Amino acid sequence: MLRLRLKVLGCPRRVLALTDTPRPDCPNCQGTGGTEEPYAYPDTGEYWGSGWEFCPCWTAWTRPLLPLPRLPRWLRRTPPGYSNEPPF
């Protein structure tokens, strides 16, 4: 059963998309949608990376619905520049 929700994606351009959510009471993943599996080198045991295995209670798909308009240039916020100089 699908549990649909709206999500804002921002790949090349912001878009409103319809996605599925994991089942919150799933005994396998406890609502996270999958399990993380850490990998190690076989001979030394050092950390190699991790992989993600999706739980069957969740289908990881998104369907774009509607492109969102861009903000005008004068409304876009730029991060303030920080300086240790006095303001005079």
Protein backbone atom coordinates (compact mmCIF):
# COMPACT_ATOMS: atom_id res chain seq x y z
CA MET A 1 0.00 0.00 0.00
CA LEU A 2 1.38 3.40 -0.97
CA ARG A 3 1.62 6.23 1.54
CA LEU A 4 1.96 9.26 -0.70
CA ARG A 5 3.36 12.67 0.25
CA LEU A 6 4.52 15.82 -1.51
CA LYS A 7 8.22 16.67 -1.62
CA VAL A 8 10.22 19.53 -3.13
CA LEU A 9 13.13 18.33 -5.26
CA GLY A 10 15.83 20.68 -6.44
CA CYS A 11 17.89 18.93 -9.10
CA PRO A 12 18.37 21.23 -12.10
CA ARG A 13 15.26 23.21 -11.16
CA ARG A 14 12.96 23.05 -8.16
CA VAL A 15 9.96 20.81 -8.73
CA LEU A 16 7.06 19.56 -6.62
CA ALA A 17 7.04 15.76 -6.68
CA LEU A 18 4.86 12.94 -5.37
CA THR A 19 6.78 10.29 -3.40
CA ASP A 20 6.12 7.22 -1.30
CA THR A 21 7.01 7.04 2.40
CA PRO A 22 8.12 3.98 4.39
CA ARG A 23 5.63 2.30 6.70
CA PRO A 24 6.23 3.75 10.21
CA ASP A 25 5.39 0.52 12.05
CA CYS A 26 7.53 -1.84 9.92
CA PRO A 27 9.34 -4.40 12.12
CA ASN A 28 12.26 -4.73 9.68
CA CYS A 29 13.33 -1.11 9.26
CA GLN A 30 11.48 0.71 12.10
CA GLY A 31 10.17 3.29 9.63
CA THR A 32 13.48 4.35 8.05
CA GLY A 33 12.87 2.63 4.71
CA GLY A 34 15.89 0.33 4.78
CA THR A 35 18.99 -0.76 6.61
CA GLU A 36 22.54 0.47 6.29
CA GLU A 37 25.16 -2.23 5.85
CA PRO A 38 28.74 -1.21 6.65
CA TYR A 39 31.47 -2.97 4.69
CA ALA A 40 35.05 -3.68 5.72
CA TYR A 41 38.18 -4.92 4.00
CA PRO A 42 38.33 -8.72 4.44
CA ASP A 43 42.00 -8.91 5.43
CA THR A 44 42.41 -5.82 7.68
CA GLY A 45 38.87 -5.17 8.89
CA GLU A 46 39.12 -1.42 8.18
CA TYR A 47 36.00 0.50 7.19
CA TRP A 48 35.45 0.38 3.43
CA GLY A 49 32.08 2.08 3.03
CA SER A 50 28.42 1.39 3.51
CA GLY A 51 25.51 0.36 1.37
CA TRP A 52 21.79 0.86 1.71
CA GLU A 53 19.32 -1.98 1.28
CA PHE A 54 15.72 -0.90 0.79
CA CYS A 55 12.99 -2.52 2.84
CA PRO A 56 10.07 -4.14 0.95
CA CYS A 57 7.63 -1.85 2.81
CA TRP A 58 8.85 1.12 0.76
CA THR A 59 9.19 1.82 -2.94
CA ALA A 60 11.73 4.58 -3.53
CA TRP A 61 10.15 6.34 -6.47
CA THR A 62 9.31 9.94 -7.18
CA ARG A 63 6.97 11.37 -9.77
CA PRO A 64 7.50 15.05 -10.71
CA LEU A 65 4.22 16.93 -10.79
CA LEU A 66 4.81 20.63 -11.22
CA PRO A 67 7.85 22.87 -11.75
CA LEU A 68 8.06 25.63 -9.17
CA PRO A 69 8.69 29.23 -10.27
CA ARG A 70 12.04 30.83 -9.64
CA LEU A 71 12.29 33.68 -7.17
CA PRO A 72 13.11 37.10 -8.61
CA ARG A 73 16.77 38.02 -8.32
CA TRP A 74 16.08 40.75 -5.75
CA LEU A 75 14.31 38.26 -3.43
CA ARG A 76 17.07 35.66 -3.48
CA ARG A 77 19.10 35.64 -0.32
CA THR A 78 22.85 35.60 -0.40
CA PRO A 79 24.77 34.43 2.64
CA PRO A 80 26.25 37.35 4.56
CA GLY A 81 29.98 37.81 4.39
CA TYR A 82 31.67 37.49 7.75
CA SER A 83 34.69 39.58 8.62
CA ASN A 84 36.75 40.31 11.68
CA GLU A 85 37.23 43.94 10.59
CA PRO A 86 35.42 46.71 12.46
CA PRO A 87 32.41 48.22 10.61
CA PHE A 88 33.97 51.63 9.91
